[in-house]
Amino acid sequence: MRKVIFGGAISLDNFIARKDGAVDWLLWSKEVNQIMKDMWKNIDTIVMGRKTYEVAQKMGGGVEQPGVKTYVFSRTIKKRNSKKLTFIADDAAAFVRQLREEEGKDILVMGGGILAQALFEADLVDELGFNIQPILLGSGIPLFYEMSRQIDLELKEGRQLSKGCVYVTYKVKHV
């Protein structure tokens, strides 16, 4: 069975972007680039919500990676599907559950607290990985939304990066 990994960058106070979707506060480094390069070796599928997709488009694209199929969950976007990009109007949890059973590499959930909430509620996320930024934004788009139950995690890795960032990965303890 394929692993579903939820990850990205986050402010210390649980935000993935400013209220307007801006991520100008993110700190990049050679270490972060290497972490991402290593991660892409094990991924062949990306799933994301409409809002994350739209922010990525405003920033110049970046959702279509070589050798990676991307699925965007939206009931409002009416674009043509391509070999690398498919828009899904169906239930996200049911779709990801089906993807998880198919042959392939790991599945990456990019951004999108609403999508993540649905996948956590359905017990479909296996691992989390975050680059925690040394900033308190005070407001913005939250990463984690309220859930109906507690999600227990087991620390896999925690390491200090340059510029005051901390990279952490957790395994989800499934119920």
C-alpha atoms as a PDB file:
ATOM      1  CA  MET A   1       0.000   0.000   0.000  1.00  0.00           C
ATOM      2  CA  ARG A   2       1.232   3.488  -0.874  1.00  0.00           C
ATOM      3  CA  LYS A   3       2.040   5.989   1.855  1.00  0.00           C
ATOM      4  CA  VAL A   4       0.119   9.292   2.077  1.00  0.00           C
ATOM      5  CA  ILE A   5       2.406  12.109   3.241  1.00  0.00           C
ATOM      6  CA  PHE A   6       1.174  15.550   4.285  1.00  0.00           C
ATOM      7  CA  GLY A   7       3.764  18.260   4.320  1.00  0.00           C
ATOM      8  CA  GLY A   8       4.975  21.744   3.643  1.00  0.00           C
ATOM      9  CA  ALA A   9       6.189  24.820   5.440  1.00  0.00           C
ATOM     10  CA  ILE A  10       4.417  26.372   8.397  1.00  0.00           C
ATOM     11  CA  SER A  11       4.766  29.351  10.710  1.00  0.00           C
ATOM     12  CA  LEU A  12       5.177  28.511  14.372  1.00  0.00           C
ATOM     13  CA  ASP A  13       1.599  29.698  14.976  1.00  0.00           C
ATOM     14  CA  ASN A  14      -0.035  27.214  12.522  1.00  0.00           C
ATOM     15  CA  PHE A  15      -0.276  29.238   9.293  1.00  0.00           C
ATOM     16  CA  ILE A  16       0.695  28.126   5.789  1.00  0.00           C
ATOM     17  CA  ALA A  17       0.141  31.551   4.226  1.00  0.00           C
ATOM     18  CA  ARG A  18      -0.950  35.081   4.937  1.00  0.00           C
ATOM     19  CA  LYS A  19      -4.681  35.847   4.589  1.00  0.00           C
ATOM     20  CA  ASP A  20      -4.101  36.845   0.949  1.00  0.00           C
ATOM     21  CA  GLY A  21      -2.251  33.566   0.242  1.00  0.00           C
ATOM     22  CA  ALA A  22       1.220  35.183   0.243  1.00  0.00           C
ATOM     23  CA  VAL A  23       4.164  33.084   1.384  1.00  0.00           C
ATOM     24  CA  ASP A  24       6.791  35.826   1.187  1.00  0.00           C
ATOM     25  CA  TRP A  25       7.907  34.936   4.720  1.00  0.00           C
ATOM     26  CA  LEU A  26       9.251  31.482   3.770  1.00  0.00           C
ATOM     27  CA  LEU A  27      12.981  31.007   4.251  1.00  0.00           C
ATOM     28  CA  TRP A  28      14.778  28.899   1.631  1.00  0.00           C
ATOM     29  CA  SER A  29      18.156  27.247   1.973  1.00  0.00           C
ATOM     30  CA  LYS A  30      20.324  24.581   0.360  1.00  0.00           C
ATOM     31  CA  GLU A  31      19.184  22.193   3.117  1.00  0.00           C
ATOM     32  CA  VAL A  32      15.502  22.725   2.276  1.00  0.00           C
ATOM     33  CA  ASN A  33      16.211  22.248  -1.428  1.00  0.00           C
ATOM     34  CA  GLN A  34      17.981  18.954  -0.651  1.00  0.00           C
ATOM     35  CA  ILE A  35      15.116  17.747   1.573  1.00  0.00           C
ATOM     36  CA  MET A  36      12.674  18.468  -1.241  1.00  0.00           C
ATOM     37  CA  LYS A  37      14.920  16.833  -3.861  1.00  0.00           C
ATOM     38  CA  ASP A  38      15.188  13.676  -1.729  1.00  0.00           C
ATOM     39  CA  MET A  39      11.415  13.639  -1.139  1.00  0.00           C
ATOM     40  CA  TRP A  40      10.563  13.839  -4.857  1.00  0.00           C
ATOM     41  CA  LYS A  41      12.457  10.561  -5.455  1.00  0.00           C
ATOM     42  CA  ASN A  42       9.701   8.707  -3.557  1.00  0.00           C
ATOM     43  CA  ILE A  43       6.643  10.580  -4.886  1.00  0.00           C
ATOM     44  CA  ASP A  44       4.689   9.980  -8.086  1.00  0.00           C
ATOM     45  CA  THR A  45       1.354  11.523  -7.073  1.00  0.00           C
ATOM     46  CA  ILE A  46       0.347  14.904  -5.637  1.00  0.00           C
ATOM     47  CA  VAL A  47      -3.100  15.746  -4.285  1.00  0.00           C
ATOM     48  CA  MET A  48      -4.118  19.297  -3.412  1.00  0.00           C
ATOM     49  CA  GLY A  49      -7.173  21.416  -2.833  1.00  0.00           C
ATOM     50  CA  ARG A  50      -8.433  24.176  -5.104  1.00  0.00           C
ATOM     51  CA  LYS A  51      -7.126  27.016  -2.942  1.00  0.00           C
ATOM     52  CA  THR A  52      -3.593  25.602  -2.846  1.00  0.00           C
ATOM     53  CA  TYR A  53      -3.728  25.077  -6.607  1.00  0.00           C
ATOM     54  CA  GLU A  54      -4.838  28.674  -7.192  1.00  0.00           C
ATOM     55  CA  VAL A  55      -2.062  30.059  -4.968  1.00  0.00           C
ATOM     56  CA  ALA A  56       0.488  27.915  -6.832  1.00  0.00           C
ATOM     57  CA  GLN A  57      -0.817  29.246 -10.148  1.00  0.00           C
ATOM     58  CA  LYS A  58      -0.478  32.855  -8.964  1.00  0.00           C
ATOM     59  CA  MET A  59       3.117  32.103  -7.983  1.00  0.00           C
ATOM     60  CA  GLY A  60       3.928  30.835 -11.467  1.00  0.00           C
ATOM     61  CA  GLY A  61       2.681  27.242 -11.517  1.00  0.00           C
ATOM     62  CA  GLY A  62       4.897  24.592 -10.048  1.00  0.00           C
ATOM     63  CA  VAL A  63       2.201  21.959  -9.566  1.00  0.00           C
ATOM     64  CA  GLU A  64       3.230  19.838 -12.532  1.00  0.00           C
ATOM     65  CA  GLN A  65       6.416  17.925 -11.744  1.00  0.00           C
ATOM     66  CA  PRO A  66       8.189  15.553 -14.181  1.00  0.00           C
ATOM     67  CA  GLY A  67       6.955  11.990 -13.697  1.00  0.00           C
ATOM     68  CA  VAL A  68       4.319  13.078 -11.175  1.00  0.00           C
ATOM     69  CA  LYS A  69       0.538  12.993 -11.593  1.00  0.00           C
ATOM     70  CA  THR A  70      -1.315  15.851  -9.863  1.00  0.00           C
ATOM     71  CA  TYR A  71      -4.943  15.732  -8.725  1.00  0.00           C
ATOM     72  CA  VAL A  72      -6.728  18.938  -7.703  1.00  0.00           C
ATOM     73  CA  PHE A  73      -9.954  18.627  -5.701  1.00  0.00           C
ATOM     74  CA  SER A  74     -12.449  21.235  -6.844  1.00  0.00           C
ATOM     75  CA  ARG A  75     -16.129  21.434  -7.632  1.00  0.00           C
ATOM     76  CA  THR A  76     -15.740  24.861  -9.252  1.00  0.00           C
ATOM     77  CA  ILE A  77     -12.705  24.703 -11.572  1.00  0.00           C
ATOM     78  CA  LYS A  78     -13.752  23.652 -15.052  1.00  0.00           C
ATOM     79  CA  LYS A  79     -10.470  23.067 -16.894  1.00  0.00           C
ATOM     80  CA  ARG A  80      -9.441  20.308 -19.213  1.00  0.00           C
ATOM     81  CA  ASN A  81      -7.549  17.435 -17.699  1.00  0.00           C
ATOM     82  CA  SER A  82      -4.118  16.576 -19.053  1.00  0.00           C
ATOM     83  CA  LYS A  83      -1.787  13.606 -18.661  1.00  0.00           C
ATOM     84  CA  LYS A  84      -0.201  15.233 -15.597  1.00  0.00           C
ATOM     85  CA  LEU A  85      -3.077  17.303 -14.136  1.00  0.00           C
ATOM     86  CA  THR A  86      -6.595  16.085 -13.299  1.00  0.00           C
ATOM     87  CA  PHE A  87      -9.414  17.954 -11.575  1.00  0.00           C
ATOM     88  CA  ILE A  88     -11.559  15.847  -9.262  1.00  0.00           C
ATOM     89  CA  ALA A  89     -15.037  16.845  -8.078  1.00  0.00           C
ATOM     90  CA  ASP A  90     -15.588  13.597  -6.143  1.00  0.00           C
ATOM     91  CA  ASP A  91     -15.149  13.014  -2.416  1.00  0.00           C
ATOM     92  CA  ALA A  92     -11.447  13.549  -1.627  1.00  0.00           C
ATOM     93  CA  ALA A  93     -11.189  10.841   1.031  1.00  0.00           C
ATOM     94  CA  ALA A  94     -12.773   8.171  -1.183  1.00  0.00           C
ATOM     95  CA  PHE A  95     -10.543   9.149  -4.099  1.00  0.00           C
ATOM     96  CA  VAL A  96      -7.332   9.115  -2.031  1.00  0.00           C
ATOM     97  CA  ARG A  97      -8.340   5.793  -0.456  1.00  0.00           C
ATOM     98  CA  GLN A  98      -8.568   4.353  -3.991  1.00  0.00           C
ATOM     99  CA  LEU A  99      -5.247   5.949  -5.064  1.00  0.00           C
ATOM    100  CA  ARG A 100      -3.571   4.496  -2.000  1.00  0.00           C
ATOM    101  CA  GLU A 101      -4.479   0.965  -3.099  1.00  0.00           C
ATOM    102  CA  GLU A 102      -3.045   1.415  -6.608  1.00  0.00           C
ATOM    103  CA  GLU A 103       0.521   0.513  -7.553  1.00  0.00           C
ATOM    104  CA  GLY A 104       2.999   3.349  -7.349  1.00  0.00           C
ATOM    105  CA  LYS A 105       5.199   5.500  -5.190  1.00  0.00           C
ATOM    106  CA  ASP A 106       4.074   7.644  -2.262  1.00  0.00           C
ATOM    107  CA  ILE A 107       1.314  10.270  -2.456  1.00  0.00           C
ATOM    108  CA  LEU A 108       2.062  13.835  -1.346  1.00  0.00           C
ATOM    109  CA  VAL A 109      -0.702  16.071   0.042  1.00  0.00           C
ATOM    110  CA  MET A 110       0.408  19.647  -0.612  1.00  0.00           C
ATOM    111  CA  GLY A 111      -0.891  22.442   1.585  1.00  0.00           C
ATOM    112  CA  GLY A 112      -4.582  22.755   2.100  1.00  0.00           C
ATOM    113  CA  GLY A 113      -5.807  22.460   5.668  1.00  0.00           C
ATOM    114  CA  ILE A 114      -9.352  21.697   4.529  1.00  0.00           C
ATOM    115  CA  LEU A 115      -8.187  18.785   2.368  1.00  0.00           C
ATOM    116  CA  ALA A 116      -5.885  17.591   5.153  1.00  0.00           C
ATOM    117  CA  GLN A 117      -8.763  17.690   7.629  1.00  0.00           C
ATOM    118  CA  ALA A 118     -10.835  15.378   5.418  1.00  0.00           C
ATOM    119  CA  LEU A 119      -7.929  12.964   4.955  1.00  0.00           C
ATOM    120  CA  PHE A 120      -7.051  12.914   8.680  1.00  0.00           C
ATOM    121  CA  GLU A 121     -10.725  12.339   9.571  1.00  0.00           C
ATOM    122  CA  ALA A 122     -10.733   9.357   7.173  1.00  0.00           C
ATOM    123  CA  ASP A 123      -7.479   8.019   8.740  1.00  0.00           C
ATOM    124  CA  LEU A 124      -5.651   8.218   5.391  1.00  0.00           C
ATOM    125  CA  VAL A 125      -2.534  10.251   6.288  1.00  0.00           C
ATOM    126  CA  ASP A 126       0.454   8.085   7.191  1.00  0.00           C
ATOM    127  CA  GLU A 127       3.185  10.654   7.700  1.00  0.00           C
ATOM    128  CA  LEU A 128       3.695  14.405   8.178  1.00  0.00           C
ATOM    129  CA  GLY A 129       6.760  16.454   7.313  1.00  0.00           C
ATOM    130  CA  PHE A 130       7.130  20.172   8.005  1.00  0.00           C
ATOM    131  CA  ASN A 131       9.677  22.924   7.801  1.00  0.00           C
ATOM    132  CA  ILE A 132       8.718  25.090  10.775  1.00  0.00           C
ATOM    133  CA  GLN A 133       9.612  28.710  10.105  1.00  0.00           C
ATOM    134  CA  PRO A 134      10.831  30.999  12.923  1.00  0.00           C
ATOM    135  CA  ILE A 135       7.948  33.446  12.622  1.00  0.00           C
ATOM    136  CA  LEU A 136       4.607  34.171  14.257  1.00  0.00           C
ATOM    137  CA  LEU A 137       2.358  35.538  11.509  1.00  0.00           C
ATOM    138  CA  GLY A 138      -0.459  36.375  13.912  1.00  0.00           C
ATOM    139  CA  SER A 139      -3.113  35.583  11.316  1.00  0.00           C
ATOM    140  CA  GLY A 140      -3.433  33.857   7.984  1.00  0.00           C
ATOM    141  CA  ILE A 141      -4.560  30.585   6.444  1.00  0.00           C
ATOM    142  CA  PRO A 142      -4.292  27.835   9.069  1.00  0.00           C
ATOM    143  CA  LEU A 143      -2.702  24.494   8.369  1.00  0.00           C
ATOM    144  CA  PHE A 144      -4.763  22.479  10.815  1.00  0.00           C
ATOM    145  CA  TYR A 145      -8.497  22.918  11.235  1.00  0.00           C
ATOM    146  CA  GLU A 146     -10.645  21.516  14.040  1.00  0.00           C
ATOM    147  CA  MET A 147     -11.034  17.742  13.885  1.00  0.00           C
ATOM    148  CA  SER A 148     -13.493  15.383  15.528  1.00  0.00           C
ATOM    149  CA  ARG A 149     -10.771  13.362  17.232  1.00  0.00           C
ATOM    150  CA  GLN A 150      -7.206  13.424  18.450  1.00  0.00           C
ATOM    151  CA  ILE A 151      -4.499  12.278  16.025  1.00  0.00           C
ATOM    152  CA  ASP A 152      -1.521  10.663  17.786  1.00  0.00           C
ATOM    153  CA  LEU A 153       1.907  11.007  16.200  1.00  0.00           C
ATOM    154  CA  GLU A 154       5.320   9.395  16.625  1.00  0.00           C
ATOM    155  CA  LEU A 155       8.405  11.532  15.958  1.00  0.00           C
ATOM    156  CA  LYS A 156      10.566  10.110  13.171  1.00  0.00           C
ATOM    157  CA  GLU A 157      13.007  12.984  12.756  1.00  0.00           C
ATOM    158  CA  GLY A 158      13.664  16.448  14.089  1.00  0.00           C
ATOM    159  CA  ARG A 159      16.546  18.574  12.925  1.00  0.00           C
ATOM    160  CA  GLN A 160      17.599  22.165  13.102  1.00  0.00           C
ATOM    161  CA  LEU A 161      18.120  23.839   9.740  1.00  0.00           C
ATOM    162  CA  SER A 162      19.847  27.093   8.927  1.00  0.00           C
ATOM    163  CA  LYS A 163      18.055  30.428   9.377  1.00  0.00           C
ATOM    164  CA  GLY A 164      16.353  29.165  12.538  1.00  0.00           C
ATOM    165  CA  CYS A 165      14.074  26.660  10.796  1.00  0.00           C
ATOM    166  CA  VAL A 166      13.270  23.228  12.207  1.00  0.00           C
ATOM    167  CA  TYR A 167      12.411  20.218  10.042  1.00  0.00           C
ATOM    168  CA  VAL A 168      10.212  17.535  11.624  1.00  0.00           C
ATOM    169  CA  THR A 169       8.643  14.335  10.373  1.00  0.00           C
ATOM    170  CA  TYR A 170       6.044  12.286  12.207  1.00  0.00           C
ATOM    171  CA  LYS A 171       4.436   8.926  11.640  1.00  0.00           C
ATOM    172  CA  VAL A 172       0.675   8.873  12.233  1.00  0.00           C
ATOM    173  CA  LYS A 173      -0.427   6.252  14.758  1.00  0.00           C
ATOM    174  CA  HIS A 174      -3.489   4.821  13.023  1.00  0.00           C
ATOM    175  CA  VAL A 175      -6.565   3.960  15.080  1.00  0.00           C
END
